[in-house]
All heavy atoms as atom14 arrays in JSON, in Angstrom:
{
  "sequence": "PEHYAPQYGGYCAYGTAEGHKAPTQPQAFTVVD",
  "atom14_mask": [
    [1, 1, 1, 1, 1, 1, 1, 0, 0, 0, 0, 0, 0, 0],
    [1, 1, 1, 1, 1, 1, 1, 1, 1, 0, 0, 0, 0, 0],
    [1, 1, 1, 1, 1, 1, 1, 1, 1, 1, 0, 0, 0, 0],
    [1, 1, 1, 1, 1, 1, 1, 1, 1, 1, 1, 1, 0, 0],
    [1, 1, 1, 1, 1, 0, 0, 0, 0, 0, 0, 0, 0, 0],
    [1, 1, 1, 1, 1, 1, 1, 0, 0, 0, 0, 0, 0, 0],
    [1, 1, 1, 1, 1, 1, 1, 1, 1, 0, 0, 0, 0, 0],
    [1, 1, 1, 1, 1, 1, 1, 1, 1, 1, 1, 1, 0, 0],
    [1, 1, 1, 1, 0, 0, 0, 0, 0, 0, 0, 0, 0, 0],
    [1, 1, 1, 1, 0, 0, 0, 0, 0, 0, 0, 0, 0, 0],
    [1, 1, 1, 1, 1, 1, 1, 1, 1, 1, 1, 1, 0, 0],
    [1, 1, 1, 1, 1, 1, 0, 0, 0, 0, 0, 0, 0, 0],
    [1, 1, 1, 1, 1, 0, 0, 0, 0, 0, 0, 0, 0, 0],
    [1, 1, 1, 1, 1, 1, 1, 1, 1, 1, 1, 1, 0, 0],
    [1, 1, 1, 1, 0, 0, 0, 0, 0, 0, 0, 0, 0, 0],
    [1, 1, 1, 1, 1, 1, 1, 0, 0, 0, 0, 0, 0, 0],
    [1, 1, 1, 1, 1, 0, 0, 0, 0, 0, 0, 0, 0, 0],
    [1, 1, 1, 1, 1, 1, 1, 1, 1, 0, 0, 0, 0, 0],
    [1, 1, 1, 1, 0, 0, 0, 0, 0, 0, 0, 0, 0, 0],
    [1, 1, 1, 1, 1, 1, 1, 1, 1, 1, 0, 0, 0, 0],
    [1, 1, 1, 1, 1, 1, 1, 1, 1, 0, 0, 0, 0, 0],
    [1, 1, 1, 1, 1, 0, 0, 0, 0, 0, 0, 0, 0, 0],
    [1, 1, 1, 1, 1, 1, 1, 0, 0, 0, 0, 0, 0, 0],
    [1, 1, 1, 1, 1, 1, 1, 0, 0, 0, 0, 0, 0, 0],
    [1, 1, 1, 1, 1, 1, 1, 1, 1, 0, 0, 0, 0, 0],
    [1, 1, 1, 1, 1, 1, 1, 0, 0, 0, 0, 0, 0, 0],
    [1, 1, 1, 1, 1, 1, 1, 1, 1, 0, 0, 0, 0, 0],
    [1, 1, 1, 1, 1, 0, 0, 0, 0, 0, 0, 0, 0, 0],
    [1, 1, 1, 1, 1, 1, 1, 1, 1, 1, 1, 0, 0, 0],
    [1, 1, 1, 1, 1, 1, 1, 0, 0, 0, 0, 0, 0, 0],
    [1, 1, 1, 1, 1, 1, 1, 0, 0, 0, 0, 0, 0, 0],
    [1, 1, 1, 1, 1, 1, 1, 0, 0, 0, 0, 0, 0, 0],
    [1, 1, 1, 1, 1, 1, 1, 1, 0, 0, 0, 0, 0, 0]
  ],
  "atom14_positions": [
    [[0.82, -1.24, -0.01], [0.01, -0.05, -0.05], [0.8, 1.3, 0.02], [0.44, 2.33, -0.59], [-0.8, -0.13, 1.26], [-0.11, -1.15, 2.12], [0.59, -2.0, 1.2], [0.0, 0.0, 0.0], [0.0, 0.0, 0.0], [0.0, 0.0, 0.0], [0.0, 0.0, 0.0], [0.0, 0.0, 0.0], [0.0, 0.0, 0.0], [0.0, 0.0, 0.0]],
    [[1.98, 1.28, 0.65], [2.82, 2.43, 0.61], [3.28, 2.9, -0.83], [3.51, 4.01, -1.05], [4.06, 2.2, 1.53], [3.76, 2.14, 2.94], [3.32, 3.41, 3.61], [3.82, 4.52, 3.19], [2.36, 3.43, 4.46], [0.0, 0.0, 0.0], [0.0, 0.0, 0.0], [0.0, 0.0, 0.0], [0.0, 0.0, 0.0], [0.0, 0.0, 0.0]],
    [[3.4, 1.9, -1.68], [3.81, 2.16, -3.02], [2.65, 2.83, -3.76], [2.79, 3.81, -4.55], [4.2, 0.87, -3.76], [4.44, 1.06, -5.25], [5.51, 1.72, -5.78], [3.69, 0.76, -6.32], [5.43, 1.75, -7.12], [4.26, 1.18, -7.44], [0.0, 0.0, 0.0], [0.0, 0.0, 0.0], [0.0, 0.0, 0.0], [0.0, 0.0, 0.0]],
    [[1.46, 2.26, -3.62], [0.33, 2.72, -4.5], [-0.52, 3.86, -3.92], [-1.16, 4.58, -4.62], [-0.64, 1.45, -4.8], [0.06, 0.52, -5.63], [0.42, -0.78, -5.16], [0.27, 0.74, -7.0], [1.05, -1.71, -5.96], [0.79, -0.25, -7.78], [1.21, -1.4, -7.32], [1.73, -2.37, -8.15], [0.0, 0.0, 0.0], [0.0, 0.0, 0.0]],
    [[-0.53, 3.98, -2.59], [-1.37, 5.02, -2.0], [-0.89, 6.33, -2.37], [0.36, 6.6, -2.49], [-1.36, 4.84, -0.4], [0.0, 0.0, 0.0], [0.0, 0.0, 0.0], [0.0, 0.0, 0.0], [0.0, 0.0, 0.0], [0.0, 0.0, 0.0], [0.0, 0.0, 0.0], [0.0, 0.0, 0.0], [0.0, 0.0, 0.0], [0.0, 0.0, 0.0]],
    [[-1.75, 7.33, -2.65], [-1.34, 8.68, -3.1], [-0.6, 9.34, -2.01], [-0.87, 9.1, -0.76], [-2.62, 9.33, -3.48], [-3.68, 8.65, -2.69], [-3.16, 7.2, -2.53], [0.0, 0.0, 0.0], [0.0, 0.0, 0.0], [0.0, 0.0, 0.0], [0.0, 0.0, 0.0], [0.0, 0.0, 0.0], [0.0, 0.0, 0.0], [0.0, 0.0, 0.0]],
    [[0.37, 10.12, -2.35], [1.1, 10.89, -1.38], [0.17, 11.96, -0.61], [-0.83, 12.37, -1.23], [2.23, 11.71, -2.06], [3.27, 10.82, -2.86], [3.91, 9.77, -1.84], [4.7, 10.2, -1.07], [3.57, 8.54, -2.03], [0.0, 0.0, 0.0], [0.0, 0.0, 0.0], [0.0, 0.0, 0.0], [0.0, 0.0, 0.0], [0.0, 0.0, 0.0]],
    [[0.55, 12.22, 0.59], [-0.16, 13.13, 1.4], [-1.65, 12.68, 1.59], [-2.56, 13.56, 1.66], [-0.12, 14.55, 0.9], [1.25, 14.87, 0.32], [1.44, 15.27, -1.03], [2.41, 14.79, 1.11], [2.75, 15.46, -1.53], [3.72, 14.95, 0.65], [3.85, 15.31, -0.72], [5.11, 15.51, -1.2], [0.0, 0.0, 0.0], [0.0, 0.0, 0.0]],
    [[-1.81, 11.42, 1.72], [-3.21, 10.86, 1.92], [-4.13, 11.07, 0.83], [-5.36, 10.91, 1.07], [0.0, 0.0, 0.0], [0.0, 0.0, 0.0], [0.0, 0.0, 0.0], [0.0, 0.0, 0.0], [0.0, 0.0, 0.0], [0.0, 0.0, 0.0], [0.0, 0.0, 0.0], [0.0, 0.0, 0.0], [0.0, 0.0, 0.0], [0.0, 0.0, 0.0]],
    [[-3.78, 11.49, -0.34], [-4.77, 11.8, -1.36], [-5.19, 13.19, -1.39], [-5.98, 13.6, -2.21], [0.0, 0.0, 0.0], [0.0, 0.0, 0.0], [0.0, 0.0, 0.0], [0.0, 0.0, 0.0], [0.0, 0.0, 0.0], [0.0, 0.0, 0.0], [0.0, 0.0, 0.0], [0.0, 0.0, 0.0], [0.0, 0.0, 0.0], [0.0, 0.0, 0.0]],
    [[-4.76, 14.01, -0.4], [-5.08, 15.43, -0.36], [-4.22, 16.06, -1.54], [-3.23, 15.54, -1.98], [-4.78, 16.05, 0.93], [-5.77, 15.66, 2.05], [-5.44, 14.67, 2.93], [-7.07, 16.21, 2.04], [-6.33, 14.26, 3.91], [-7.91, 15.83, 3.02], [-7.58, 14.87, 3.96], [-8.42, 14.5, 4.86], [0.0, 0.0, 0.0], [0.0, 0.0, 0.0]],
    [[-4.63, 17.32, -1.88], [-3.89, 18.04, -2.99], [-2.44, 18.18, -2.58], [-2.1, 18.81, -1.55], [-4.63, 19.36, -3.11], [-3.77, 20.4, -4.33], [0.0, 0.0, 0.0], [0.0, 0.0, 0.0], [0.0, 0.0, 0.0], [0.0, 0.0, 0.0], [0.0, 0.0, 0.0], [0.0, 0.0, 0.0], [0.0, 0.0, 0.0], [0.0, 0.0, 0.0]],
    [[-1.56, 17.76, -3.43], [-0.15, 17.85, -3.24], [0.26, 19.36, -3.23], [1.14, 19.73, -2.39], [0.58, 17.14, -4.34], [0.0, 0.0, 0.0], [0.0, 0.0, 0.0], [0.0, 0.0, 0.0], [0.0, 0.0, 0.0], [0.0, 0.0, 0.0], [0.0, 0.0, 0.0], [0.0, 0.0, 0.0], [0.0, 0.0, 0.0], [0.0, 0.0, 0.0]],
    [[-0.23, 20.18, -4.1], [0.04, 21.53, -4.11], [-0.4, 22.25, -2.76], [0.31, 23.04, -2.13], [-0.55, 22.22, -5.25], [-0.31, 23.87, -5.31], [0.88, 24.35, -5.7], [-1.3, 24.71, -4.94], [1.13, 25.67, -5.64], [-1.14, 26.03, -4.85], [0.07, 26.57, -5.29], [0.39, 27.85, -5.24], [0.0, 0.0, 0.0], [0.0, 0.0, 0.0]],
    [[-1.6, 21.83, -2.41], [-2.12, 22.51, -1.14], [-1.24, 22.04, 0.04], [-1.0, 22.93, 0.93], [0.0, 0.0, 0.0], [0.0, 0.0, 0.0], [0.0, 0.0, 0.0], [0.0, 0.0, 0.0], [0.0, 0.0, 0.0], [0.0, 0.0, 0.0], [0.0, 0.0, 0.0], [0.0, 0.0, 0.0], [0.0, 0.0, 0.0], [0.0, 0.0, 0.0]],
    [[-0.79, 20.88, 0.06], [0.12, 20.37, 1.13], [1.44, 21.22, 1.11], [1.92, 21.71, 2.12], [0.4, 18.94, 0.95], [-0.85, 18.24, 1.04], [1.31, 18.44, 2.09], [0.0, 0.0, 0.0], [0.0, 0.0, 0.0], [0.0, 0.0, 0.0], [0.0, 0.0, 0.0], [0.0, 0.0, 0.0], [0.0, 0.0, 0.0], [0.0, 0.0, 0.0]],
    [[1.91, 21.52, -0.07], [3.1, 22.27, -0.29], [2.88, 23.67, 0.3], [3.68, 24.39, 0.88], [3.6, 22.35, -1.72], [0.0, 0.0, 0.0], [0.0, 0.0, 0.0], [0.0, 0.0, 0.0], [0.0, 0.0, 0.0], [0.0, 0.0, 0.0], [0.0, 0.0, 0.0], [0.0, 0.0, 0.0], [0.0, 0.0, 0.0], [0.0, 0.0, 0.0]],
    [[1.59, 24.17, 0.16], [1.25, 25.51, 0.67], [0.82, 25.52, 2.13], [0.58, 26.58, 2.67], [0.08, 26.07, -0.24], [0.49, 26.33, -1.68], [1.55, 27.46, -1.69], [1.25, 28.55, -1.26], [2.68, 27.25, -2.25], [0.0, 0.0, 0.0], [0.0, 0.0, 0.0], [0.0, 0.0, 0.0], [0.0, 0.0, 0.0], [0.0, 0.0, 0.0]],
    [[0.78, 24.36, 2.76], [0.5, 24.28, 4.19], [-0.89, 23.91, 4.6], [-1.25, 24.16, 5.73], [0.0, 0.0, 0.0], [0.0, 0.0, 0.0], [0.0, 0.0, 0.0], [0.0, 0.0, 0.0], [0.0, 0.0, 0.0], [0.0, 0.0, 0.0], [0.0, 0.0, 0.0], [0.0, 0.0, 0.0], [0.0, 0.0, 0.0], [0.0, 0.0, 0.0]],
    [[-1.7, 23.45, 3.7], [-3.08, 23.13, 4.09], [-3.67, 21.93, 3.29], [-3.2, 21.57, 2.18], [-4.03, 24.36, 3.79], [-4.17, 24.8, 2.34], [-5.02, 24.2, 1.48], [-3.34, 25.64, 1.74], [-4.8, 24.76, 0.28], [-3.8, 25.55, 0.35], [0.0, 0.0, 0.0], [0.0, 0.0, 0.0], [0.0, 0.0, 0.0], [0.0, 0.0, 0.0]],
    [[-4.73, 21.39, 3.86], [-5.41, 20.22, 3.12], [-6.35, 20.82, 2.19], [-7.04, 21.74, 2.43], [-6.15, 19.4, 4.17], [-5.29, 18.45, 4.96], [-6.11, 17.58, 5.87], [-5.21, 16.57, 6.58], [-6.0, 15.86, 7.6], [0.0, 0.0, 0.0], [0.0, 0.0, 0.0], [0.0, 0.0, 0.0], [0.0, 0.0, 0.0], [0.0, 0.0, 0.0]],
    [[-6.51, 20.07, 1.06], [-7.47, 20.5, 0.09], [-7.98, 19.21, -0.6], [-7.17, 18.25, -0.74], [-6.94, 21.47, -0.94], [0.0, 0.0, 0.0], [0.0, 0.0, 0.0], [0.0, 0.0, 0.0], [0.0, 0.0, 0.0], [0.0, 0.0, 0.0], [0.0, 0.0, 0.0], [0.0, 0.0, 0.0], [0.0, 0.0, 0.0], [0.0, 0.0, 0.0]],
    [[-9.16, 19.15, -1.05], [-9.7, 17.93, -1.73], [-9.09, 17.86, -3.11], [-8.33, 18.78, -3.57], [-11.16, 18.2, -1.84], [-11.36, 19.66, -1.78], [-10.25, 20.08, -0.87], [0.0, 0.0, 0.0], [0.0, 0.0, 0.0], [0.0, 0.0, 0.0], [0.0, 0.0, 0.0], [0.0, 0.0, 0.0], [0.0, 0.0, 0.0], [0.0, 0.0, 0.0]],
    [[-9.27, 16.71, -3.81], [-8.66, 16.48, -5.16], [-9.71, 16.01, -6.11], [-10.73, 15.48, -5.76], [-7.49, 15.51, -4.97], [-8.03, 14.26, -4.4], [-6.39, 15.96, -4.22], [0.0, 0.0, 0.0], [0.0, 0.0, 0.0], [0.0, 0.0, 0.0], [0.0, 0.0, 0.0], [0.0, 0.0, 0.0], [0.0, 0.0, 0.0], [0.0, 0.0, 0.0]],
    [[-9.31, 16.12, -7.36], [-10.18, 15.56, -8.51], [-9.31, 14.51, -9.12], [-8.05, 14.7, -9.29], [-10.49, 16.74, -9.47], [-11.44, 17.71, -8.83], [-11.83, 18.85, -9.86], [-11.34, 18.88, -10.99], [-12.76, 19.67, -9.45], [0.0, 0.0, 0.0], [0.0, 0.0, 0.0], [0.0, 0.0, 0.0], [0.0, 0.0, 0.0], [0.0, 0.0, 0.0]],
    [[-9.97, 13.45, -9.46], [-9.16, 12.23, -10.02], [-8.44, 12.5, -11.29], [-7.28, 11.92, -11.48], [-10.24, 11.21, -10.33], [-11.55, 12.0, -10.38], [-11.4, 13.22, -9.51], [0.0, 0.0, 0.0], [0.0, 0.0, 0.0], [0.0, 0.0, 0.0], [0.0, 0.0, 0.0], [0.0, 0.0, 0.0], [0.0, 0.0, 0.0], [0.0, 0.0, 0.0]],
    [[-8.75, 13.37, -12.22], [-7.99, 13.61, -13.41], [-6.79, 14.49, -13.24], [-5.96, 14.59, -14.09], [-8.88, 14.21, -14.48], [-9.15, 15.65, -14.49], [-10.1, 16.23, -13.29], [-10.72, 15.35, -12.68], [-10.15, 17.47, -13.1], [0.0, 0.0, 0.0], [0.0, 0.0, 0.0], [0.0, 0.0, 0.0], [0.0, 0.0, 0.0], [0.0, 0.0, 0.0]],
    [[-6.75, 15.22, -12.11], [-5.56, 16.16, -11.77], [-4.5, 15.39, -11.05], [-4.38, 15.5, -9.83], [-6.11, 17.32, -11.01], [0.0, 0.0, 0.0], [0.0, 0.0, 0.0], [0.0, 0.0, 0.0], [0.0, 0.0, 0.0], [0.0, 0.0, 0.0], [0.0, 0.0, 0.0], [0.0, 0.0, 0.0], [0.0, 0.0, 0.0], [0.0, 0.0, 0.0]],
    [[-3.72, 14.63, -11.77], [-2.76, 13.78, -11.07], [-1.43, 13.83, -11.89], [-1.39, 14.16, -13.06], [-3.17, 12.29, -11.02], [-3.13, 11.51, -12.31], [-2.05, 10.73, -12.56], [-4.06, 11.73, -13.33], [-1.92, 10.0, -13.76], [-4.04, 10.96, -14.51], [-2.9, 10.13, -14.7], [0.0, 0.0, 0.0], [0.0, 0.0, 0.0], [0.0, 0.0, 0.0]],
    [[-0.39, 13.45, -11.2], [0.93, 13.09, -11.8], [1.5, 11.94, -11.02], [1.23, 11.71, -9.88], [1.95, 14.25, -11.72], [2.04, 14.66, -10.35], [1.57, 15.38, -12.56], [0.0, 0.0, 0.0], [0.0, 0.0, 0.0], [0.0, 0.0, 0.0], [0.0, 0.0, 0.0], [0.0, 0.0, 0.0], [0.0, 0.0, 0.0], [0.0, 0.0, 0.0]],
    [[2.31, 11.17, -11.75], [3.08, 10.05, -11.17], [4.58, 10.49, -11.33], [5.06, 10.63, -12.5], [2.85, 8.69, -11.77], [3.75, 7.64, -11.14], [1.37, 8.27, -11.5], [0.0, 0.0, 0.0], [0.0, 0.0, 0.0], [0.0, 0.0, 0.0], [0.0, 0.0, 0.0], [0.0, 0.0, 0.0], [0.0, 0.0, 0.0], [0.0, 0.0, 0.0]],
    [[5.26, 10.7, -10.23], [6.64, 11.18, -10.3], [7.52, 10.25, -9.45], [7.16, 10.01, -8.3], [6.76, 12.64, -9.82], [8.23, 13.1, -9.73], [5.85, 13.53, -10.52], [0.0, 0.0, 0.0], [0.0, 0.0, 0.0], [0.0, 0.0, 0.0], [0.0, 0.0, 0.0], [0.0, 0.0, 0.0], [0.0, 0.0, 0.0], [0.0, 0.0, 0.0]],
    [[8.59, 9.72, -10.04], [9.41, 8.83, -9.29], [8.64, 7.7, -8.68], [8.83, 7.37, -7.54], [10.26, 9.5, -8.24], [11.27, 10.51, -8.89], [11.73, 10.25, -9.95], [11.55, 11.55, -8.24], [0.0, 0.0, 0.0], [0.0, 0.0, 0.0], [0.0, 0.0, 0.0], [0.0, 0.0, 0.0], [0.0, 0.0, 0.0], [0.0, 0.0, 0.0]]
  ]
}
């Protein structure tokens, strides 16, 4: 599960970078490393 689970619990990665939780939409994704 650690491999497949989205980073930051599936909350918005950009929002997390900005310091807050935000919901996400399924088509707005990237797979990096």
